[in-house]
């Protein structure tokens, strides 16, 4: 373990692990499977879910962004408006709206987030998505940039947001965006440790890791092994250290917990056995180019198998399958690699979120307390 990785682990162990959930604001649930999913993409379902989640240990929710029908998601609610609706329906939940640079002008988004922040009492956040789905750009008449350029644009996009949120005379002269003596009013709400809305990003590539280290507050990883996430924490932390920054880490996982391990494994097996093969293979073909475009083999989905792609952010790879005790132990093992937040998907959201809060979260907190005692 390197010094910077050890420091990231120390920070992670010093605070309770945070939990987020994927908002099912697109049809088809969180797995590309024909298995029964008692999850709905409607606002009423999601409003109840958000209230349930904030009362069962979830601090964040992430609204997905899709613009066109694709890979089992025929219908999609727009992420920013949906996020604001959930913010106004809850009291404590922080809602992260996913957005694409290239489809948003950053000054417009900065203004939207400032307003959403005031309306929600400082609970708005953003996930900057560099983009993997070419059709979403080209079918809207927007250019599709090559991989490295998409990340350069995203980095400028984030610099723009932070500049306009924190400066009374915002200036930025980039290759993609510019600001000229601009004063955004009102600014977003600021609090200790949160000078502006939190900025999240994903991506596994070297470009993504570098961008996270330089500008992002949070780095989301696709589902991964303990060794894989440790590598990413190290890479991003080293870049952040050079720039005098710290970054926090989120990990995607699909959670199937049942009273017995055999029940949980049976559910996972059924999900994969009933996969929508045509949709999964179509998704796989689309995302493989995202991984291959990186050149160094570190892109998202670069080595994903068919079964991994049934959960479209490799959530099965995180291994949160089993009894509450097994899942809790696995969760804390990831925390010990430097993970600060688990971003979770479920099969039957209402039931599974309540089960998480009742059965799993108390065990996680017990294990965290024991680990904290060990390290003094």
Protein backbone atom coordinates (compact mmCIF):
# COMPACT_ATOMS: atom_id res chain seq x y z
CA UNK A 1 0.00 0.00 0.00
CA UNK A 2 1.45 3.38 -0.99
CA UNK A 3 1.52 6.37 1.36
CA UNK A 4 -1.26 8.16 -0.54
CA UNK A 5 -3.42 5.04 -0.55
CA UNK A 6 -2.81 4.61 3.17
CA UNK A 7 -3.90 8.20 3.75
CA UNK A 8 -7.07 7.64 1.69
CA UNK A 9 -7.82 4.55 3.80
CA UNK A 10 -7.23 6.50 7.01
CA UNK A 11 -9.71 9.17 5.91
CA UNK A 12 -12.26 6.52 4.93
CA UNK A 13 -11.98 4.71 8.25
CA UNK A 14 -12.33 7.93 10.24
CA UNK A 15 -15.94 8.58 9.16
CA UNK A 16 -19.07 6.44 8.73
CA UNK A 17 -19.48 5.00 5.26
CA UNK A 18 -22.05 6.86 3.19
CA UNK A 19 -24.69 5.20 1.04
CA UNK A 20 -26.33 6.31 -2.19
CA UNK A 21 -28.81 4.62 -4.49
CA UNK A 22 -29.37 4.72 -8.22
CA UNK A 23 -32.66 6.50 -8.87
CA UNK A 24 -34.76 4.29 -11.18
CA UNK A 25 -35.91 7.23 -13.33
CA UNK A 26 -35.62 5.13 -16.50
CA UNK A 27 -37.76 2.14 -17.35
CA UNK A 28 -36.43 -1.40 -17.07
CA UNK A 29 -35.01 -1.27 -13.56
CA UNK A 30 -31.31 -1.64 -12.77
CA UNK A 31 -30.74 -4.96 -14.52
CA UNK A 32 -31.18 -5.75 -18.21
CA UNK A 33 -33.26 -8.84 -17.48
CA UNK A 34 -36.76 -10.15 -17.98
CA UNK A 35 -36.95 -11.23 -14.35
CA UNK A 36 -39.85 -9.69 -12.42
CA UNK A 37 -38.77 -6.32 -11.05
CA UNK A 38 -41.14 -4.62 -8.63
CA UNK A 39 -39.44 -1.34 -9.42
CA UNK A 40 -41.13 1.47 -11.32
CA UNK A 41 -39.76 4.53 -13.08
CA UNK A 42 -42.74 6.78 -12.25
CA UNK A 43 -42.45 9.86 -10.08
CA UNK A 44 -44.89 8.57 -7.47
CA UNK A 45 -42.88 5.37 -7.01
CA UNK A 46 -39.65 7.36 -6.81
CA UNK A 47 -41.06 9.92 -4.39
CA UNK A 48 -41.99 7.12 -1.97
CA UNK A 49 -38.59 5.49 -2.55
CA UNK A 50 -36.69 8.71 -1.79
CA UNK A 51 -38.53 9.15 1.50
CA UNK A 52 -37.99 5.50 2.35
CA UNK A 53 -34.31 5.72 1.49
CA UNK A 54 -33.54 8.77 3.63
CA UNK A 55 -35.16 6.95 6.57
CA UNK A 56 -33.09 3.81 5.97
CA UNK A 57 -29.56 5.17 5.99
CA UNK A 58 -29.18 6.66 2.51
CA UNK A 59 -27.57 10.09 2.32
CA UNK A 60 -27.45 10.43 -1.48
CA UNK A 61 -29.43 9.46 -4.57
CA UNK A 62 -28.13 9.61 -8.16
CA UNK A 63 -30.57 10.39 -10.97
CA UNK A 64 -29.55 8.64 -14.18
CA UNK A 65 -29.25 10.46 -17.49
CA UNK A 66 -30.53 8.86 -20.70
CA UNK A 67 -31.83 10.79 -23.70
CA UNK A 68 -33.04 8.06 -26.05
CA UNK A 69 -34.43 4.56 -25.86
CA UNK A 70 -31.59 2.11 -25.38
CA UNK A 71 -30.75 -1.33 -24.01
CA UNK A 72 -33.92 -2.09 -22.10
CA UNK A 73 -34.60 1.53 -21.05
CA UNK A 74 -37.40 2.54 -23.41
CA UNK A 75 -38.54 5.53 -21.33
CA UNK A 76 -36.50 8.10 -19.41
CA UNK A 77 -37.29 11.00 -17.10
CA UNK A 78 -34.85 13.91 -17.46
CA UNK A 79 -32.33 13.89 -14.62
CA UNK A 80 -32.19 17.51 -13.41
CA UNK A 81 -35.94 18.12 -13.20
CA UNK A 82 -36.45 14.71 -11.60
CA UNK A 83 -33.69 15.43 -9.08
CA UNK A 84 -35.30 18.72 -8.07
CA UNK A 85 -38.65 17.00 -7.58
CA UNK A 86 -37.02 14.45 -5.27
CA UNK A 87 -35.18 17.17 -3.36
CA UNK A 88 -38.45 18.96 -2.70
CA UNK A 89 -40.13 15.71 -1.61
CA UNK A 90 -37.46 14.93 1.02
CA UNK A 91 -35.85 16.59 4.02
CA UNK A 92 -32.28 15.28 4.22
CA UNK A 93 -31.51 13.34 1.02
CA UNK A 94 -28.85 14.83 -1.25
CA UNK A 95 -29.72 14.26 -4.90
CA UNK A 96 -27.04 14.09 -7.59
CA UNK A 97 -28.20 14.99 -11.10
CA UNK A 98 -26.19 13.37 -13.90
CA UNK A 99 -25.45 15.69 -16.85
CA UNK A 100 -23.43 15.60 -20.08
CA UNK A 101 -21.01 18.36 -21.07
CA UNK A 102 -21.69 18.98 -24.72
CA UNK A 103 -25.43 18.80 -24.12
CA UNK A 104 -25.40 21.46 -21.37
CA UNK A 105 -23.92 24.95 -21.36
CA UNK A 106 -22.13 25.06 -17.99
CA UNK A 107 -23.30 28.55 -17.02
CA UNK A 108 -26.93 27.50 -17.44
CA UNK A 109 -26.32 24.39 -15.32
CA UNK A 110 -24.46 26.44 -12.69
CA UNK A 111 -27.50 28.72 -12.40
CA UNK A 112 -29.90 25.76 -12.22
CA UNK A 113 -27.85 24.11 -9.46
CA UNK A 114 -27.62 27.35 -7.47
CA UNK A 115 -31.41 27.66 -7.53
CA UNK A 116 -31.92 23.97 -6.70
CA UNK A 117 -29.46 24.38 -3.84
CA UNK A 118 -31.47 27.24 -2.34
CA UNK A 119 -34.78 25.44 -2.80
CA UNK A 120 -33.43 22.33 -1.06
CA UNK A 121 -31.40 23.92 1.70
CA UNK A 122 -28.02 22.95 0.25
CA UNK A 123 -28.67 19.40 -0.93
CA UNK A 124 -28.10 19.65 -4.70
CA UNK A 125 -25.16 17.90 -6.38
CA UNK A 126 -24.03 17.03 -9.90
CA UNK A 127 -22.43 14.03 -11.62
CA UNK A 128 -20.50 15.11 -14.72
CA UNK A 129 -20.77 12.32 -17.32
CA UNK A 130 -18.21 12.54 -20.13
CA UNK A 131 -20.30 10.18 -22.25
CA UNK A 132 -20.02 6.70 -23.73
CA UNK A 133 -23.17 6.53 -25.89
CA UNK A 134 -22.38 8.13 -29.26
CA UNK A 135 -26.00 8.09 -30.50
CA UNK A 136 -27.13 10.40 -27.71
CA UNK A 137 -24.92 13.11 -29.18
CA UNK A 138 -25.18 12.49 -32.90
CA UNK A 139 -28.96 12.00 -32.93
CA UNK A 140 -29.30 15.38 -31.22
CA UNK A 141 -27.04 16.91 -33.85
CA UNK A 142 -24.06 17.38 -31.51
CA UNK A 143 -20.48 16.36 -32.34
CA UNK A 144 -19.02 13.18 -30.84
CA UNK A 145 -15.50 13.87 -29.57
CA UNK A 146 -12.82 11.22 -29.19
CA UNK A 147 -12.29 9.79 -25.71
CA UNK A 148 -9.51 12.06 -24.44
CA UNK A 149 -11.22 15.18 -25.77
CA UNK A 150 -14.46 14.29 -23.99
CA UNK A 151 -12.55 14.21 -20.71
CA UNK A 152 -10.73 17.46 -21.48
CA UNK A 153 -14.12 19.08 -22.09
CA UNK A 154 -15.50 17.64 -18.84
CA UNK A 155 -12.55 18.96 -16.87
CA UNK A 156 -13.10 22.45 -18.24
CA UNK A 157 -16.80 22.08 -17.51
CA UNK A 158 -16.07 21.37 -13.83
CA UNK A 159 -13.53 24.20 -13.59
CA UNK A 160 -16.19 26.52 -15.03
CA UNK A 161 -18.81 25.40 -12.48
CA UNK A 162 -16.47 25.92 -9.54
CA UNK A 163 -15.23 29.27 -10.82
CA UNK A 164 -18.70 30.68 -11.39
CA UNK A 165 -19.92 29.40 -8.00
CA UNK A 166 -17.07 30.88 -5.98
CA UNK A 167 -15.90 34.05 -7.77
CA UNK A 168 -17.54 37.47 -8.00
CA UNK A 169 -15.63 38.13 -11.22
CA UNK A 170 -15.51 34.71 -12.85
CA UNK A 171 -12.91 34.30 -15.58
CA UNK A 172 -12.07 31.23 -17.66
CA UNK A 173 -10.39 30.97 -21.02
CA UNK A 174 -10.44 27.37 -22.17
CA UNK A 175 -10.58 25.42 -25.39
CA UNK A 176 -14.27 24.61 -24.90
CA UNK A 177 -15.69 27.21 -22.51
CA UNK A 178 -15.10 30.84 -21.56
CA UNK A 179 -16.18 33.22 -18.80
CA UNK A 180 -15.71 36.98 -18.83
CA UNK A 181 -16.08 38.90 -15.55
CA UNK A 182 -19.28 37.05 -14.67
CA UNK A 183 -20.98 37.29 -11.28
CA UNK A 184 -23.55 34.61 -10.60
CA UNK A 185 -26.16 35.65 -8.04
CA UNK A 186 -27.29 34.03 -5.90
CA UNK A 187 -24.36 31.76 -5.36
CA UNK A 188 -25.12 28.22 -4.14
CA UNK A 189 -25.31 27.75 -0.40
CA UNK A 190 -21.95 27.21 1.30
CA UNK A 191 -21.29 25.36 4.54
CA UNK A 192 -18.27 23.98 6.38
CA UNK A 193 -16.58 21.44 4.12
CA UNK A 194 -18.97 22.26 1.28
CA UNK A 195 -18.13 25.55 -0.47
CA UNK A 196 -20.45 24.68 -3.38
CA UNK A 197 -22.55 21.74 -4.63
CA UNK A 198 -20.51 18.55 -4.65
CA UNK A 199 -19.15 17.49 -8.04
CA UNK A 200 -19.07 13.77 -8.83
CA UNK A 201 -17.67 12.00 -11.88
CA UNK A 202 -17.23 8.43 -13.09
CA UNK A 203 -14.94 6.64 -15.50
CA UNK A 204 -12.24 4.01 -15.11
CA UNK A 205 -9.75 5.25 -17.70
CA UNK A 206 -6.45 7.01 -17.10
CA UNK A 207 -8.06 10.20 -18.45
CA UNK A 208 -10.91 9.85 -15.95
CA UNK A 209 -8.57 9.19 -13.03
CA UNK A 210 -6.43 12.20 -13.86
CA UNK A 211 -9.44 14.47 -14.20
CA UNK A 212 -10.80 13.30 -10.84
CA UNK A 213 -7.50 14.00 -9.11
CA UNK A 214 -7.32 17.51 -10.56
CA UNK A 215 -10.88 18.83 -10.26
CA UNK A 216 -13.60 16.50 -8.91
CA UNK A 217 -14.84 16.15 -5.32
CA UNK A 218 -15.91 12.51 -5.76
CA UNK A 219 -14.79 9.71 -8.08
CA UNK A 220 -17.28 6.95 -8.91
CA UNK A 221 -15.96 3.56 -9.97
CA UNK A 222 -17.86 0.86 -11.81
CA UNK A 223 -18.29 -2.35 -9.83
CA UNK A 224 -14.90 -3.78 -8.99
CA UNK A 225 -12.89 -6.21 -6.88
CA UNK A 226 -11.10 -5.17 -3.69
CA UNK A 227 -7.80 -5.13 -5.58
CA UNK A 228 -9.27 -3.20 -8.49
CA UNK A 229 -10.71 -0.42 -6.37
CA UNK A 230 -7.47 -0.16 -4.39
CA UNK A 231 -5.62 0.52 -7.66
CA UNK A 232 -8.08 3.27 -8.61
CA UNK A 233 -7.96 4.88 -5.16
CA UNK A 234 -4.17 4.93 -5.40
CA UNK A 235 -4.06 6.38 -8.93
CA UNK A 236 -6.56 9.16 -8.27
CA UNK A 237 -5.10 9.99 -4.84
CA UNK A 238 -1.61 10.35 -6.30
CA UNK A 239 -2.82 12.89 -8.86
CA UNK A 240 -4.82 14.72 -6.20
CA UNK A 241 -1.78 14.82 -3.88
CA UNK A 242 0.33 16.48 -6.58
CA UNK A 243 -2.36 19.17 -6.90
CA UNK A 244 -2.78 19.68 -3.17
CA UNK A 245 -6.26 18.14 -3.14
CA UNK A 246 -8.16 15.19 -1.70
CA UNK A 247 -10.85 13.19 -3.49
CA UNK A 248 -13.48 10.89 -2.01
CA UNK A 249 -14.40 7.57 -3.59
CA UNK A 250 -17.70 5.96 -4.49
CA UNK A 251 -18.13 2.38 -5.71
CA UNK A 252 -21.04 0.95 -7.67
CA UNK A 253 -22.61 -2.26 -6.42
CA UNK A 254 -25.80 -4.24 -7.01
CA UNK A 255 -26.99 -5.60 -3.69
CA UNK A 256 -28.95 -8.84 -3.29
CA UNK A 257 -29.33 -9.76 0.37
CA UNK A 258 -31.63 -12.49 1.63
CA UNK A 259 -31.93 -14.42 4.88
CA UNK A 260 -29.78 -17.23 3.46
CA UNK A 261 -26.89 -17.17 1.02
CA UNK A 262 -28.57 -19.76 -1.21
CA UNK A 263 -31.63 -17.52 -1.59
CA UNK A 264 -29.46 -14.58 -2.61
CA UNK A 265 -27.42 -16.67 -5.05
CA UNK A 266 -30.63 -18.04 -6.58
CA UNK A 267 -31.85 -14.49 -7.22
CA UNK A 268 -28.57 -13.53 -8.91
CA UNK A 269 -28.67 -16.71 -11.01
CA UNK A 270 -32.24 -15.99 -12.12
CA UNK A 271 -31.38 -12.40 -13.06
CA UNK A 272 -28.59 -13.60 -15.34
CA UNK A 273 -30.50 -16.61 -16.70
CA UNK A 274 -33.39 -14.34 -17.70
CA UNK A 275 -31.16 -11.61 -19.15
CA UNK A 276 -32.51 -9.79 -22.18
CA UNK A 277 -29.77 -11.19 -24.39
CA UNK A 278 -30.36 -8.89 -27.36
CA UNK A 279 -30.35 -5.78 -25.17
CA UNK A 280 -27.28 -6.88 -23.19
CA UNK A 281 -25.33 -7.74 -26.35
CA UNK A 282 -26.30 -4.39 -27.89
CA UNK A 283 -25.18 -2.58 -24.77
CA UNK A 284 -21.97 -4.58 -24.72
CA UNK A 285 -21.17 -3.68 -28.32
CA UNK A 286 -21.75 0.01 -27.59
CA UNK A 287 -19.67 0.18 -24.42
CA UNK A 288 -16.77 -1.95 -25.60
CA UNK A 289 -15.76 0.89 -27.90
CA UNK A 290 -15.64 3.16 -24.84
CA UNK A 291 -13.11 0.88 -23.17
CA UNK A 292 -11.12 0.19 -26.32
CA UNK A 293 -10.91 3.91 -27.15
CA UNK A 294 -8.62 4.48 -24.17
CA UNK A 295 -5.65 2.59 -25.60
CA UNK A 296 -4.25 1.45 -22.25
CA UNK A 297 -6.98 -1.02 -21.31
CA UNK A 298 -8.27 0.91 -18.31
CA UNK A 299 -11.55 2.11 -19.80
CA UNK A 300 -14.95 1.25 -18.39
CA UNK A 301 -16.30 -2.17 -19.44
CA UNK A 302 -12.93 -3.00 -21.05
CA UNK A 303 -12.96 -6.55 -19.66
CA UNK A 304 -16.64 -6.98 -18.74
CA UNK A 305 -18.22 -10.36 -19.45
CA UNK A 306 -21.82 -10.92 -20.55
CA UNK A 307 -22.96 -11.59 -16.97
CA UNK A 308 -21.31 -8.36 -15.76
CA UNK A 309 -23.18 -6.30 -18.35
CA UNK A 310 -26.59 -7.54 -17.20
CA UNK A 311 -26.11 -4.89 -14.51
CA UNK A 312 -24.95 -2.02 -16.65
CA UNK A 313 -22.36 -0.59 -14.29
CA UNK A 314 -20.71 -3.93 -13.47
CA UNK A 315 -22.54 -3.96 -10.14
CA UNK A 316 -22.37 -7.74 -9.69
CA UNK A 317 -18.56 -7.53 -9.63
CA UNK A 318 -18.63 -5.82 -6.24
CA UNK A 319 -19.96 -9.05 -4.73
CA UNK A 320 -22.70 -7.70 -2.46
CA UNK A 321 -24.60 -10.99 -2.64
CA UNK A 322 -25.50 -13.09 0.39
CA UNK A 323 -26.81 -12.83 3.92
CA UNK A 324 -26.89 -9.48 5.76
CA UNK A 325 -23.77 -10.55 7.65
CA UNK A 326 -21.87 -11.48 4.50
CA UNK A 327 -22.87 -8.28 2.71
CA UNK A 328 -21.97 -6.10 5.69
CA UNK A 329 -18.53 -7.70 5.93
CA UNK A 330 -17.95 -7.18 2.21
CA UNK A 331 -19.02 -3.54 2.46
CA UNK A 332 -16.56 -2.83 5.28
CA UNK A 333 -13.80 -4.62 3.36
CA UNK A 334 -14.25 -2.04 0.61
CA UNK A 335 -14.16 0.78 3.14
CA UNK A 336 -10.77 -0.56 4.26
CA UNK A 337 -9.53 -0.01 0.68
CA UNK A 338 -10.47 3.69 0.81
CA UNK A 339 -14.10 3.66 -0.33
CA UNK A 340 -16.17 6.45 1.24
CA UNK A 341 -19.53 5.73 -0.37
CA UNK A 342 -21.42 2.75 -1.81
CA UNK A 343 -23.72 3.53 -4.76
CA UNK A 344 -26.28 0.74 -4.73
CA UNK A 345 -28.83 -0.74 -7.09
CA UNK A 346 -31.56 -3.22 -6.16
CA UNK A 347 -34.02 -5.56 -7.81
CA UNK A 348 -37.16 -4.60 -5.84
CA UNK A 349 -36.30 -1.14 -4.54
CA UNK A 350 -38.97 -0.50 -1.91
CA UNK A 351 -38.57 -3.89 -0.27
CA UNK A 352 -34.80 -4.11 -0.64
CA UNK A 353 -34.10 -0.59 0.66
CA UNK A 354 -36.20 -1.28 3.77
CA UNK A 355 -34.39 -4.63 4.24
CA UNK A 356 -31.04 -2.82 3.93
CA UNK A 357 -31.95 -0.30 6.61
CA UNK A 358 -33.29 -2.93 8.99
CA UNK A 359 -30.90 -5.84 8.51
CA UNK A 360 -27.63 -4.66 6.93
CA UNK A 361 -26.90 -1.10 8.00
CA UNK A 362 -26.82 -1.87 11.76
CA UNK A 363 -24.26 -4.63 11.09
CA UNK A 364 -22.15 -2.25 8.99
CA UNK A 365 -22.12 0.30 11.80
CA UNK A 366 -21.10 -2.37 14.32
CA UNK A 367 -18.24 -3.52 12.11
CA UNK A 368 -17.13 0.08 11.52
CA UNK A 369 -17.03 0.73 15.25
CA UNK A 370 -14.90 -2.38 15.76
CA UNK A 371 -12.47 -1.30 13.02
CA UNK A 372 -12.22 2.20 14.47
CA UNK A 373 -11.39 0.73 17.88
CA UNK A 374 -8.61 -1.34 16.30
CA UNK A 375 -6.92 1.67 14.75
CA UNK A 376 -7.40 3.79 17.86
